C-alpha atoms as a PDB file:
ATOM      1  CA  MET A   1       0.000   0.000   0.000  1.00  0.00           C
ATOM      2  CA  MET A   2       1.272   3.486  -0.778  1.00  0.00           C
ATOM      3  CA  ALA A   3       2.507   5.595   2.112  1.00  0.00           C
ATOM      4  CA  SER A   4       0.232   8.495   2.858  1.00  0.00           C
ATOM      5  CA  ASN A   5       2.772  11.070   1.712  1.00  0.00           C
ATOM      6  CA  VAL A   6       2.948   9.669  -1.835  1.00  0.00           C
ATOM      7  CA  ALA A   7      -0.532   8.340  -2.478  1.00  0.00           C
ATOM      8  CA  GLY A   8      -2.193  11.626  -3.345  1.00  0.00           C
ATOM      9  CA  ASP A   9      -4.788  13.173  -1.109  1.00  0.00           C
ATOM     10  CA  SER A  10      -4.850  11.704   2.389  1.00  0.00           C
ATOM     11  CA  LYS A  11      -7.456   9.236   3.519  1.00  0.00           C
ATOM     12  CA  HIS A  12      -8.868  11.768   5.911  1.00  0.00           C
ATOM     13  CA  THR A  13      -9.332  14.372   3.188  1.00  0.00           C
ATOM     14  CA  ALA A  14     -10.691  11.907   0.654  1.00  0.00           C
ATOM     15  CA  ARG A  15     -13.144  10.313   3.057  1.00  0.00           C
ATOM     16  CA  ALA A  16     -14.339  13.707   4.260  1.00  0.00           C
ATOM     17  CA  ALA A  17     -15.171  14.575   0.654  1.00  0.00           C
ATOM     18  CA  SER A  18     -16.761  11.248  -0.112  1.00  0.00           C
ATOM     19  CA  ARG A  19     -20.161  10.843  -1.667  1.00  0.00           C
ATOM     20  CA  VAL A  20     -20.536   7.229  -0.552  1.00  0.00           C
ATOM     21  CA  GLY A  21     -20.159   6.415   3.133  1.00  0.00           C
ATOM     22  CA  ASP A  22     -19.927   9.991   4.396  1.00  0.00           C
ATOM     23  CA  HIS A  23     -19.670  10.217   8.149  1.00  0.00           C
ATOM     24  CA  GLU A  24     -17.908  12.338  10.734  1.00  0.00           C
ATOM     25  CA  SER A  25     -17.268   9.929  13.544  1.00  0.00           C
ATOM     26  CA  GLY A  26     -15.409   7.257  11.570  1.00  0.00           C
ATOM     27  CA  THR A  27     -18.232   4.725  11.932  1.00  0.00           C
ATOM     28  CA  ARG A  28     -21.226   4.365   9.686  1.00  0.00           C
ATOM     29  CA  PRO A  29     -24.397   6.032  10.973  1.00  0.00           C
ATOM     30  CA  SER A  30     -27.124   3.850  12.381  1.00  0.00           C
ATOM     31  CA  VAL A  31     -29.751   2.826   9.880  1.00  0.00           C
ATOM     32  CA  GLU A  32     -32.332   3.715  12.529  1.00  0.00           C
ATOM     33  CA  ARG A  33     -31.405   7.397  12.478  1.00  0.00           C
ATOM     34  CA  LYS A  34     -33.899   9.564  10.604  1.00  0.00           C
ATOM     35  CA  SER A  35     -33.989  13.169   9.483  1.00  0.00           C
ATOM     36  CA  PRO A  36     -37.433  14.838   9.734  1.00  0.00           C
ATOM     37  CA  PRO A  37     -36.436  17.688   7.357  1.00  0.00           C
ATOM     38  CA  THR A  38     -35.316  15.147   4.758  1.00  0.00           C
ATOM     39  CA  GLU A  39     -38.525  13.164   5.237  1.00  0.00           C
ATOM     40  CA  ARG A  40     -40.539  16.312   4.487  1.00  0.00           C
ATOM     41  CA  VAL A  41     -38.615  16.808   1.229  1.00  0.00           C
ATOM     42  CA  VAL A  42     -39.347  13.200   0.266  1.00  0.00           C
ATOM     43  CA  GLN A  43     -43.031  13.699   1.100  1.00  0.00           C
ATOM     44  CA  VAL A  44     -43.229  16.717  -1.208  1.00  0.00           C
ATOM     45  CA  LEU A  45     -41.621  14.821  -4.104  1.00  0.00           C
ATOM     46  CA  ASN A  46     -43.815  11.782  -3.553  1.00  0.00           C
ATOM     47  CA  LEU A  47     -46.948  13.934  -3.503  1.00  0.00           C
ATOM     48  CA  LEU A  48     -46.041  15.574  -6.820  1.00  0.00           C
ATOM     49  CA  ALA A  49     -45.179  12.156  -8.276  1.00  0.00           C
ATOM     50  CA  GLU A  50     -48.632  10.841  -7.368  1.00  0.00           C
ATOM     51  CA  THR A  51     -50.228  13.405  -9.700  1.00  0.00           C
ATOM     52  CA  PRO A  52     -47.603  13.902 -12.447  1.00  0.00           C
ATOM     53  CA  ARG A  53     -50.128  15.381 -14.888  1.00  0.00           C
ATOM     54  CA  GLU A  54     -51.426  17.916 -12.390  1.00  0.00           C
ATOM     55  CA  ARG A  55     -49.783  20.915 -10.796  1.00  0.00           C
ATOM     56  CA  LEU A  56     -50.355  21.823  -7.178  1.00  0.00           C
ATOM     57  CA  THR A  57     -50.205  25.177  -5.443  1.00  0.00           C
ATOM     58  CA  LEU A  58     -48.254  25.897  -2.298  1.00  0.00           C
ATOM     59  CA  THR A  59     -51.483  25.884  -0.308  1.00  0.00           C
ATOM     60  CA  GLN A  60     -52.527  22.496  -1.677  1.00  0.00           C
ATOM     61  CA  ILE A  61     -49.144  20.905  -0.972  1.00  0.00           C
ATOM     62  CA  ALA A  62     -48.947  22.301   2.541  1.00  0.00           C
ATOM     63  CA  ALA A  63     -52.510  21.163   3.334  1.00  0.00           C
ATOM     64  CA  ASN A  64     -51.987  17.661   1.913  1.00  0.00           C
ATOM     65  CA  LEU A  65     -48.841  17.113   3.952  1.00  0.00           C
ATOM     66  CA  ASP A  66     -49.873  19.098   7.027  1.00  0.00           C
ATOM     67  CA  LEU A  67     -46.862  21.365   6.667  1.00  0.00           C
ATOM     68  CA  ALA A  68     -46.532  24.969   7.804  1.00  0.00           C
ATOM     69  CA  MET A  69     -46.652  27.312   4.816  1.00  0.00           C
ATOM     70  CA  PRO A  70     -43.169  28.835   5.426  1.00  0.00           C
ATOM     71  CA  THR A  71     -41.645  25.360   5.795  1.00  0.00           C
ATOM     72  CA  CYS A  72     -43.336  24.131   2.630  1.00  0.00           C
ATOM     73  CA  LEU A  73     -42.278  27.230   0.691  1.00  0.00           C
ATOM     74  CA  GLY A  74     -38.661  26.767   1.768  1.00  0.00           C
ATOM     75  CA  ILE A  75     -38.654  23.155   0.583  1.00  0.00           C
ATOM     76  CA  LEU A  76     -40.264  24.038  -2.754  1.00  0.00           C
ATOM     77  CA  THR A  77     -37.860  26.917  -3.323  1.00  0.00           C
ATOM     78  CA  ALA A  78     -34.830  24.693  -2.763  1.00  0.00           C
ATOM     79  CA  LEU A  79     -36.247  21.947  -5.008  1.00  0.00           C
ATOM     80  CA  THR A  80     -37.056  24.497  -7.710  1.00  0.00           C
ATOM     81  CA  ASP A  81     -33.527  25.938  -7.591  1.00  0.00           C
ATOM     82  CA  ALA A  82     -32.167  22.400  -8.066  1.00  0.00           C
ATOM     83  CA  GLU A  83     -34.657  21.736 -10.924  1.00  0.00           C
ATOM     84  CA  PHE A  84     -36.261  18.814  -9.082  1.00  0.00           C
ATOM     85  CA  VAL A  85     -39.456  20.887  -9.148  1.00  0.00           C
ATOM     86  CA  THR A  86     -40.745  23.541 -11.552  1.00  0.00           C
ATOM     87  CA  ARG A  87     -42.860  26.586 -10.710  1.00  0.00           C
ATOM     88  CA  ASP A  88     -45.043  28.237 -13.358  1.00  0.00           C
ATOM     89  CA  GLY A  89     -46.546  31.683 -13.705  1.00  0.00           C
ATOM     90  CA  ALA A  90     -49.635  30.586 -11.786  1.00  0.00           C
ATOM     91  CA  LYS A  91     -47.398  29.723  -8.831  1.00  0.00           C
ATOM     92  CA  SER A  92     -48.175  26.018  -9.053  1.00  0.00           C
ATOM     93  CA  TYR A  93     -45.608  23.263  -8.830  1.00  0.00           C
ATOM     94  CA  GLY A  94     -44.778  20.071 -10.717  1.00  0.00           C
ATOM     95  CA  LEU A  95     -41.876  17.657 -11.139  1.00  0.00           C
ATOM     96  CA  GLY A  96     -38.726  19.065 -12.733  1.00  0.00           C
ATOM     97  CA  PRO A  97     -36.150  17.907 -15.311  1.00  0.00           C
ATOM     98  CA  ALA A  98     -33.505  16.916 -12.747  1.00  0.00           C
ATOM     99  CA  LEU A  99     -35.642  13.901 -11.827  1.00  0.00           C
ATOM    100  CA  GLN A 100     -35.558  12.717 -15.433  1.00  0.00           C
ATOM    101  CA  ARG A 101     -31.757  12.889 -15.331  1.00  0.00           C
ATOM    102  CA  LEU A 102     -31.701  10.759 -12.205  1.00  0.00           C
ATOM    103  CA  GLY A 103     -34.132   8.312 -13.762  1.00  0.00           C
ATOM    104  CA  SER A 104     -31.914   7.926 -16.802  1.00  0.00           C
ATOM    105  CA  ALA A 105     -28.918   7.321 -14.563  1.00  0.00           C
ATOM    106  CA  PHE A 106     -30.859   4.594 -12.789  1.00  0.00           C
ATOM    107  CA  GLU A 107     -31.791   2.957 -16.082  1.00  0.00           C
ATOM    108  CA  SER A 108     -28.148   2.952 -17.167  1.00  0.00           C
ATOM    109  CA  GLY A 109     -27.147   0.680 -14.312  1.00  0.00           C
ATOM    110  CA  LEU A 110     -27.748   2.339 -10.964  1.00  0.00           C
ATOM    111  CA  ALA A 111     -29.802  -0.674  -9.864  1.00  0.00           C
ATOM    112  CA  ASN A 112     -26.576  -2.721  -9.813  1.00  0.00           C
ATOM    113  CA  LEU A 113     -24.521  -0.187  -7.884  1.00  0.00           C
ATOM    114  CA  ASP A 114     -25.002  -1.970  -4.571  1.00  0.00           C
ATOM    115  CA  LEU A 115     -23.182  -4.944  -6.078  1.00  0.00           C
ATOM    116  CA  VAL A 116     -20.087  -2.992  -7.129  1.00  0.00           C
ATOM    117  CA  ARG A 117     -19.910  -0.419  -4.321  1.00  0.00           C
ATOM    118  CA  PRO A 118     -18.021  -2.685  -1.874  1.00  0.00           C
ATOM    119  CA  ALA A 119     -15.139  -3.026  -4.324  1.00  0.00           C
ATOM    120  CA  ILE A 120     -15.060   0.731  -4.921  1.00  0.00           C
ATOM    121  CA  ILE A 121     -15.150   1.527  -1.203  1.00  0.00           C
ATOM    122  CA  GLU A 122     -12.338  -0.946  -0.536  1.00  0.00           C
ATOM    123  CA  LEU A 123     -10.241   0.627  -3.304  1.00  0.00           C
ATOM    124  CA  HIS A 124     -10.828   4.129  -1.959  1.00  0.00           C
ATOM    125  CA  ASP A 125     -10.056   3.095   1.608  1.00  0.00           C
ATOM    126  CA  ARG A 126      -6.877   1.348   0.502  1.00  0.00           C
ATOM    127  CA  LEU A 127      -5.415   4.177  -1.575  1.00  0.00           C
ATOM    128  CA  GLY A 128      -7.102   7.304  -0.243  1.00  0.00           C
ATOM    129  CA  ILE A 129      -7.602   8.407  -3.860  1.00  0.00           C
ATOM    130  CA  SER A 130     -10.846   9.632  -5.398  1.00  0.00           C
ATOM    131  CA  CYS A 131     -12.831   7.142  -7.487  1.00  0.00           C
ATOM    132  CA  VAL A 132     -15.473   7.876 -10.119  1.00  0.00           C
ATOM    133  CA  LEU A 133     -17.884   5.333 -11.599  1.00  0.00           C
ATOM    134  CA  SER A 134     -19.393   6.060 -15.015  1.00  0.00           C
ATOM    135  CA  ALA A 135     -21.443   4.284 -17.662  1.00  0.00           C
ATOM    136  CA  THR A 136     -22.769   4.976 -21.140  1.00  0.00           C
ATOM    137  CA  HIS A 137     -26.471   5.379 -21.820  1.00  0.00           C
ATOM    138  CA  GLU A 138     -28.309   6.566 -24.927  1.00  0.00           C
ATOM    139  CA  GLY A 139     -25.273   8.226 -26.480  1.00  0.00           C
ATOM    140  CA  GLN A 140     -24.107   9.886 -23.281  1.00  0.00           C
ATOM    141  CA  ILE A 141     -21.613   9.309 -20.487  1.00  0.00           C
ATOM    142  CA  VAL A 142     -23.329   9.292 -17.099  1.00  0.00           C
ATOM    143  CA  ILE A 143     -21.470   9.766 -13.812  1.00  0.00           C
ATOM    144  CA  LEU A 144     -23.149   7.287 -11.490  1.00  0.00           C
ATOM    145  CA  ASP A 145     -21.145   7.482  -8.291  1.00  0.00           C
ATOM    146  CA  ARG A 146     -17.981   8.807  -6.747  1.00  0.00           C
ATOM    147  CA  LEU A 147     -15.825   8.680  -3.644  1.00  0.00           C
ATOM    148  CA  GLY A 148     -13.915  11.882  -3.087  1.00  0.00           C
ATOM    149  CA  ALA A 149     -13.853  14.786  -5.538  1.00  0.00           C
ATOM    150  CA  ALA A 150     -14.475  14.015  -9.206  1.00  0.00           C
ATOM    151  CA  MET A 151     -11.843  16.627 -10.049  1.00  0.00           C
ATOM    152  CA  ALA A 152      -9.274  18.231  -7.779  1.00  0.00           C
ATOM    153  CA  GLY A 153     -10.679  21.261  -5.979  1.00  0.00           C
ATOM    154  CA  ASP A 154     -14.140  20.699  -7.484  1.00  0.00           C
ATOM    155  CA  ARG A 155     -16.832  20.638  -4.798  1.00  0.00           C
ATOM    156  CA  ARG A 156     -19.685  19.921  -7.197  1.00  0.00           C
ATOM    157  CA  ASP A 157     -21.570  16.667  -6.753  1.00  0.00           C
ATOM    158  CA  LEU A 158     -21.596  15.716 -10.467  1.00  0.00           C
ATOM    159  CA  ILE A 159     -23.466  12.470  -9.780  1.00  0.00           C
ATOM    160  CA  GLY A 160     -26.034  12.185 -12.543  1.00  0.00           C
ATOM    161  CA  ALA A 161     -24.042  14.582 -14.754  1.00  0.00           C
ATOM    162  CA  ARG A 162     -24.134  13.648 -18.412  1.00  0.00           C
ATOM    163  CA  LEU A 163     -21.540  14.246 -21.103  1.00  0.00           C
ATOM    164  CA  PRO A 164     -21.797  13.619 -24.845  1.00  0.00           C
ATOM    165  CA  LEU A 165     -20.344  10.251 -25.875  1.00  0.00           C
ATOM    166  CA  ALA A 166     -18.407  11.674 -28.803  1.00  0.00           C
ATOM    167  CA  PRO A 167     -14.685  12.126 -29.500  1.00  0.00           C
ATOM    168  CA  PRO A 168     -12.570  13.086 -27.762  1.00  0.00           C
ATOM    169  CA  LEU A 169     -14.771  12.206 -24.741  1.00  0.00           C
ATOM    170  CA  GLY A 170     -15.608   8.581 -24.054  1.00  0.00           C
ATOM    171  CA  LEU A 171     -12.438   6.754 -25.072  1.00  0.00           C
ATOM    172  CA  VAL A 172     -12.203   4.887 -21.752  1.00  0.00           C
ATOM    173  CA  ASN A 173     -15.962   4.225 -21.799  1.00  0.00           C
ATOM    174  CA  THR A 174     -15.815   2.399 -25.131  1.00  0.00           C
ATOM    175  CA  ALA A 175     -12.264   1.016 -25.244  1.00  0.00           C
ATOM    176  CA  TRP A 176     -13.155  -2.460 -23.991  1.00  0.00           C
ATOM    177  CA  GLY A 177     -16.312  -2.809 -26.051  1.00  0.00           C
ATOM    178  CA  PRO A 178     -16.613  -4.626 -29.384  1.00  0.00           C
ATOM    179  CA  ASP A 179     -14.790  -3.086 -32.342  1.00  0.00           C
ATOM    180  CA  ALA A 180     -18.182  -2.070 -33.761  1.00  0.00           C
ATOM    181  CA  VAL A 181     -18.837   0.051 -30.655  1.00  0.00           C
ATOM    182  CA  VAL A 182     -15.441   1.732 -30.993  1.00  0.00           C
ATOM    183  CA  ASP A 183     -16.064   2.327 -34.704  1.00  0.00           C
ATOM    184  CA  ALA A 184     -19.453   3.888 -33.979  1.00  0.00           C
ATOM    185  CA  TRP A 185     -17.951   6.147 -31.323  1.00  0.00           C
ATOM    186  CA  LEU A 186     -15.137   7.299 -33.600  1.00  0.00           C
ATOM    187  CA  GLY A 187     -17.707   7.930 -36.337  1.00  0.00           C
ATOM    188  CA  ARG A 188     -19.623  10.473 -34.285  1.00  0.00           C
ATOM    189  CA  GLN A 189     -19.224  14.193 -34.849  1.00  0.00           C
ATOM    190  CA  PRO A 190     -16.302  15.321 -32.646  1.00  0.00           C
ATOM    191  CA  LEU A 191     -17.067  17.834 -29.908  1.00  0.00           C
ATOM    192  CA  ILE A 192     -13.936  19.740 -30.882  1.00  0.00           C
ATOM    193  CA  PRO A 193     -11.674  19.278 -33.914  1.00  0.00           C
ATOM    194  CA  LEU A 194      -9.269  16.327 -33.868  1.00  0.00           C
ATOM    195  CA  ALA A 195      -5.674  16.995 -34.851  1.00  0.00           C
ATOM    196  CA  THR A 196      -4.930  13.362 -35.687  1.00  0.00           C
ATOM    197  CA  GLY A 197      -6.742  10.512 -37.380  1.00  0.00           C
ATOM    198  CA  ASP A 198      -8.501   7.555 -35.822  1.00  0.00           C
ATOM    199  CA  GLU A 199      -5.296   5.523 -35.779  1.00  0.00           C
ATOM    200  CA  THR A 200      -4.000   7.360 -32.695  1.00  0.00           C
ATOM    201  CA  ALA A 201      -7.149   6.674 -30.678  1.00  0.00           C
ATOM    202  CA  ARG A 202      -7.156   3.043 -31.845  1.00  0.00           C
ATOM    203  CA  ALA A 203      -3.535   2.623 -30.726  1.00  0.00           C
ATOM    204  CA  ILE A 204      -4.415   3.951 -27.253  1.00  0.00           C
ATOM    205  CA  ILE A 205      -7.358   1.563 -27.092  1.00  0.00           C
ATOM    206  CA  GLU A 206      -5.294  -1.452 -28.145  1.00  0.00           C
ATOM    207  CA  ASP A 207      -2.673  -0.596 -25.536  1.00  0.00           C
ATOM    208  CA  GLY A 208      -5.376  -0.232 -22.905  1.00  0.00           C
ATOM    209  CA  ARG A 209      -6.864  -3.595 -23.790  1.00  0.00           C
ATOM    210  CA  ARG A 210      -3.440  -5.183 -23.453  1.00  0.00           C
ATOM    211  CA  ARG A 211      -2.680  -3.574 -20.099  1.00  0.00           C
ATOM    212  CA  GLY A 212      -6.227  -3.661 -18.769  1.00  0.00           C
ATOM    213  CA  TYR A 213      -6.189   0.046 -17.942  1.00  0.00           C
ATOM    214  CA  ILE A 214      -5.604   3.458 -19.543  1.00  0.00           C
ATOM    215  CA  ILE A 215      -3.640   6.331 -18.002  1.00  0.00           C
ATOM    216  CA  GLU A 216      -4.601   9.925 -18.752  1.00  0.00           C
ATOM    217  CA  CYS A 217      -2.053  12.593 -17.848  1.00  0.00           C
ATOM    218  CA  LEU A 218      -2.679  16.049 -16.457  1.00  0.00           C
ATOM    219  CA  PRO A 219      -3.342  18.543 -19.239  1.00  0.00           C
ATOM    220  CA  SER A 220      -0.350  20.449 -20.537  1.00  0.00           C
ATOM    221  CA  SER A 221      -2.528  22.602 -22.766  1.00  0.00           C
ATOM    222  CA  MET A 222      -6.175  23.489 -23.363  1.00  0.00           C
ATOM    223  CA  ALA A 223      -6.361  20.578 -25.846  1.00  0.00           C
ATOM    224  CA  SER A 224      -7.434  18.042 -23.233  1.00  0.00           C
ATOM    225  CA  THR A 225     -10.453  15.910 -22.428  1.00  0.00           C
ATOM    226  CA  VAL A 226     -10.153  17.105 -18.816  1.00  0.00           C
ATOM    227  CA  VAL A 227     -10.545  20.722 -19.930  1.00  0.00           C
ATOM    228  CA  LEU A 228     -13.403  19.829 -22.286  1.00  0.00           C
ATOM    229  CA  ALA A 229     -15.273  17.847 -19.617  1.00  0.00           C
ATOM    230  CA  THR A 230     -14.837  20.707 -17.135  1.00  0.00           C
ATOM    231  CA  VAL A 231     -16.346  23.153 -19.604  1.00  0.00           C
ATOM    232  CA  LEU A 232     -19.287  20.875 -20.438  1.00  0.00           C
ATOM    233  CA  THR A 233     -20.170  20.309 -16.755  1.00  0.00           C
ATOM    234  CA  SER A 234     -19.533  23.911 -15.682  1.00  0.00           C
ATOM    235  CA  GLY A 235     -23.198  24.856 -15.447  1.00  0.00           C
ATOM    236  CA  MET A 236     -22.607  27.958 -17.571  1.00  0.00           C
ATOM    237  CA  PRO A 237     -25.239  28.999 -20.137  1.00  0.00           C
ATOM    238  CA  GLN A 238     -25.178  26.762 -23.206  1.00  0.00           C
ATOM    239  CA  ARG A 239     -24.259  29.637 -25.501  1.00  0.00           C
ATOM    240  CA  VAL A 240     -21.162  30.304 -23.379  1.00  0.00           C
ATOM    241  CA  ILE A 241     -20.224  26.616 -23.368  1.00  0.00           C
ATOM    242  CA  ASP A 242     -20.643  26.441 -27.150  1.00  0.00           C
ATOM    243  CA  GLU A 243     -18.422  29.486 -27.610  1.00  0.00           C
ATOM    244  CA  LEU A 244     -15.720  28.085 -25.320  1.00  0.00           C
ATOM    245  CA  CYS A 245     -15.764  24.741 -27.151  1.00  0.00           C
ATOM    246  CA  ARG A 246     -15.407  26.523 -30.492  1.00  0.00           C
ATOM    247  CA  ASN A 247     -12.252  28.182 -29.178  1.00  0.00           C
ATOM    248  CA  LEU A 248     -10.612  25.080 -27.700  1.00  0.00           C
ATOM    249  CA  PRO A 249      -7.619  23.859 -29.728  1.00  0.00           C
ATOM    250  CA  PRO A 250      -7.863  20.564 -31.609  1.00  0.00           C
ATOM    251  CA  SER A 251      -7.385  17.396 -29.578  1.00  0.00           C
ATOM    252  CA  ASP A 252      -4.417  15.197 -30.459  1.00  0.00           C
ATOM    253  CA  TRP A 253      -4.973  12.508 -27.766  1.00  0.00           C
ATOM    254  CA  SER A 254      -1.566  13.391 -26.296  1.00  0.00           C
ATOM    255  CA  GLU A 255      -2.869  13.317 -22.712  1.00  0.00           C
ATOM    256  CA  TYR A 256      -3.160   9.526 -22.929  1.00  0.00           C
ATOM    257  CA  LEU A 257       0.002   7.694 -21.927  1.00  0.00           C
ATOM    258  CA  LEU A 258       0.738   5.376 -24.842  1.00  0.00           C
ATOM    259  CA  THR A 259       4.467   4.834 -24.235  1.00  0.00           C
ATOM    260  CA  THR A 260       5.576   4.300 -20.635  1.00  0.00           C
ATOM    261  CA  PRO A 261       9.011   5.400 -19.435  1.00  0.00           C
ATOM    262  CA  GLY A 262      11.669   2.729 -19.077  1.00  0.00           C
ATOM    263  CA  ASP A 263      12.581   3.901 -15.577  1.00  0.00           C
ATOM    264  CA  SER A 264      10.091   3.122 -12.797  1.00  0.00           C
ATOM    265  CA  ALA A 265      11.279   6.273 -10.999  1.00  0.00           C
ATOM    266  CA  ALA A 266      10.379   8.484 -13.982  1.00  0.00           C
ATOM    267  CA  THR A 267       7.747  11.129 -13.267  1.00  0.00           C
ATOM    268  CA  VAL A 268       4.280  10.652 -14.740  1.00  0.00           C
ATOM    269  CA  PRO A 269       1.921  13.627 -14.211  1.00  0.00           C
ATOM    270  CA  VAL A 270      -1.113  11.369 -13.879  1.00  0.00           C
ATOM    271  CA  ALA A 271      -4.667  12.687 -13.923  1.00  0.00           C
ATOM    272  CA  HIS A 272      -6.779   9.530 -14.257  1.00  0.00           C
ATOM    273  CA  ILE A 273      -6.365   5.760 -14.437  1.00  0.00           C
ATOM    274  CA  SER A 274      -9.410   3.946 -15.853  1.00  0.00           C
ATOM    275  CA  ALA A 275     -10.395   0.282 -16.162  1.00  0.00           C
ATOM    276  CA  PRO A 276     -13.589  -1.546 -17.177  1.00  0.00           C
ATOM    277  CA  ILE A 277     -16.137  -3.483 -15.131  1.00  0.00           C
ATOM    278  CA  PHE A 278     -17.816  -6.211 -17.187  1.00  0.00           C
ATOM    279  CA  ASP A 279     -21.296  -7.691 -16.795  1.00  0.00           C
ATOM    280  CA  GLN A 280     -22.275 -11.355 -17.029  1.00  0.00           C
ATOM    281  CA  HIS A 281     -22.316 -11.111 -20.836  1.00  0.00           C
ATOM    282  CA  GLY A 282     -18.778  -9.775 -21.039  1.00  0.00           C
ATOM    283  CA  ALA A 283     -19.919  -6.273 -21.981  1.00  0.00           C
ATOM    284  CA  GLN A 284     -18.295  -3.172 -20.506  1.00  0.00           C
ATOM    285  CA  GLN A 285     -20.991  -2.224 -18.006  1.00  0.00           C
ATOM    286  CA  TYR A 286     -19.114   0.457 -16.074  1.00  0.00           C
ATOM    287  CA  THR A 287     -15.836   2.331 -16.140  1.00  0.00           C
ATOM    288  CA  LEU A 288     -14.055   2.841 -12.818  1.00  0.00           C
ATOM    289  CA  THR A 289     -11.624   5.746 -12.743  1.00  0.00           C
ATOM    290  CA  LEU A 290      -9.023   6.620 -10.147  1.00  0.00           C
ATOM    291  CA  VAL A 291      -8.358  10.366  -9.880  1.00  0.00           C
ATOM    292  CA  PRO A 292      -4.861  10.830  -8.387  1.00  0.00           C
ATOM    293  CA  GLU A 293      -4.182  14.151 -10.182  1.00  0.00           C
ATOM    294  CA  ARG A 294      -0.535  14.114  -9.125  1.00  0.00           C
ATOM    295  CA  THR A 295       2.231  16.045 -10.872  1.00  0.00           C
ATOM    296  CA  ASP A 296       4.916  14.231  -8.863  1.00  0.00           C
ATOM    297  CA  ALA A 297       3.763  10.630  -9.305  1.00  0.00           C
ATOM    298  CA  THR A 298       6.259   8.106 -10.628  1.00  0.00           C
ATOM    299  CA  LEU A 299       5.676   5.231 -12.999  1.00  0.00           C
ATOM    300  CA  ALA A 300       6.006   2.892  -9.997  1.00  0.00           C
ATOM    301  CA  HIS A 301       3.184   4.755  -8.228  1.00  0.00           C
ATOM    302  CA  CYS A 302       0.981   4.541 -11.326  1.00  0.00           C
ATOM    303  CA  GLU A 303       1.602   0.821 -11.697  1.00  0.00           C
ATOM    304  CA  GLU A 304       0.763   0.187  -8.042  1.00  0.00           C
ATOM    305  CA  TRP A 305      -2.424   2.255  -8.294  1.00  0.00           C
ATOM    306  CA  ALA A 306      -3.341   0.473 -11.536  1.00  0.00           C
ATOM    307  CA  ALA A 307      -2.852  -2.933  -9.908  1.00  0.00           C
ATOM    308  CA  ALA A 308      -5.186  -1.941  -7.073  1.00  0.00           C
ATOM    309  CA  LEU A 309      -7.700  -0.616  -9.613  1.00  0.00           C
ATOM    310  CA  LEU A 310      -7.619  -3.867 -11.592  1.00  0.00           C
ATOM    311  CA  HIS A 311      -8.192  -5.859  -8.412  1.00  0.00           C
ATOM    312  CA  ALA A 312     -11.253  -3.705  -7.655  1.00  0.00           C
ATOM    313  CA  THR A 313     -12.668  -4.014 -11.176  1.00  0.00           C
ATOM    314  CA  ARG A 314     -12.190  -7.783 -11.103  1.00  0.00           C
ATOM    315  CA  GLN A 315     -14.071  -7.995  -7.813  1.00  0.00           C
ATOM    316  CA  ALA A 316     -16.864  -5.781  -9.183  1.00  0.00           C
ATOM    317  CA  THR A 317     -17.044  -7.871 -12.384  1.00  0.00           C
ATOM    318  CA  ILE A 318     -17.407 -11.038 -10.316  1.00  0.00           C
ATOM    319  CA  ALA A 319     -20.154  -9.364  -8.264  1.00  0.00           C
ATOM    320  CA  LEU A 320     -22.058  -8.687 -11.520  1.00  0.00           C
ATOM    321  CA  GLY A 321     -21.748 -12.325 -12.548  1.00  0.00           C
ATOM    322  CA  GLY A 322     -18.901 -11.763 -14.980  1.00  0.00           C
ATOM    323  CA  ARG A 323     -15.483 -13.372 -15.147  1.00  0.00           C
END
């Protein structure tokens, strides 16, 4: 196991930022513990879900749930801001688009997350490095779960966030699929211009299949999938995002480590290390990504992290009935 001074962010920091298994005392909270404020939020959502074709006013919602009007208004305001609820000109409320995003994430494999979570938690606890679980669904990349920050210094949740499955994004999400899947992905309209042909991406994929994992380095320029993904999930107005993407330089796939140094002590400015989780049919169901984001990592560190990642993905594959 890596010593804490070389393994990236410390376990304490990573666990404090975790999405899965958050707790302050170091032990998991009792399943008996309940939160009345949270229960009221759930009641509001359930009430609106019972009448999805109807809209209810603040007065109707408060009366149905026996809530004080100020309390009910506060809940509805927060849900509206998060787009879980919409409010129209008549001041009536209905379900919002954020719930559709969560539903799509569930359909893309969230129902199986309980089977793979133990392996992810063990990996995170062992290395103290952030982990992100993603899947593809209906032409998009969906972030399903994470432990620690999805990107260094980024406090956003990002669970349920969706990114276009088009070059240069999605290489690690398609690399271990059939050649037809890779061909289809490469055939999609790129999100930004590509400076090289398909042969470079195919070489990275073949190397990843041989190793079992793919290393992505920290960006040395704006021509990076990390930069592109940050822009697309920034929450800025779409017209601003479109303008920024138009001004990004062409991608040349250079952030992917295709040739490893001969010296295990050589520095590798690693951003991500990704590996597949397969289902019982041998299909790439999920992609598990370690997020070291270390400028001072060595090849030896990367290989040790990759070995731990491969152990976790094997355990998760077995849990899904795969081999």
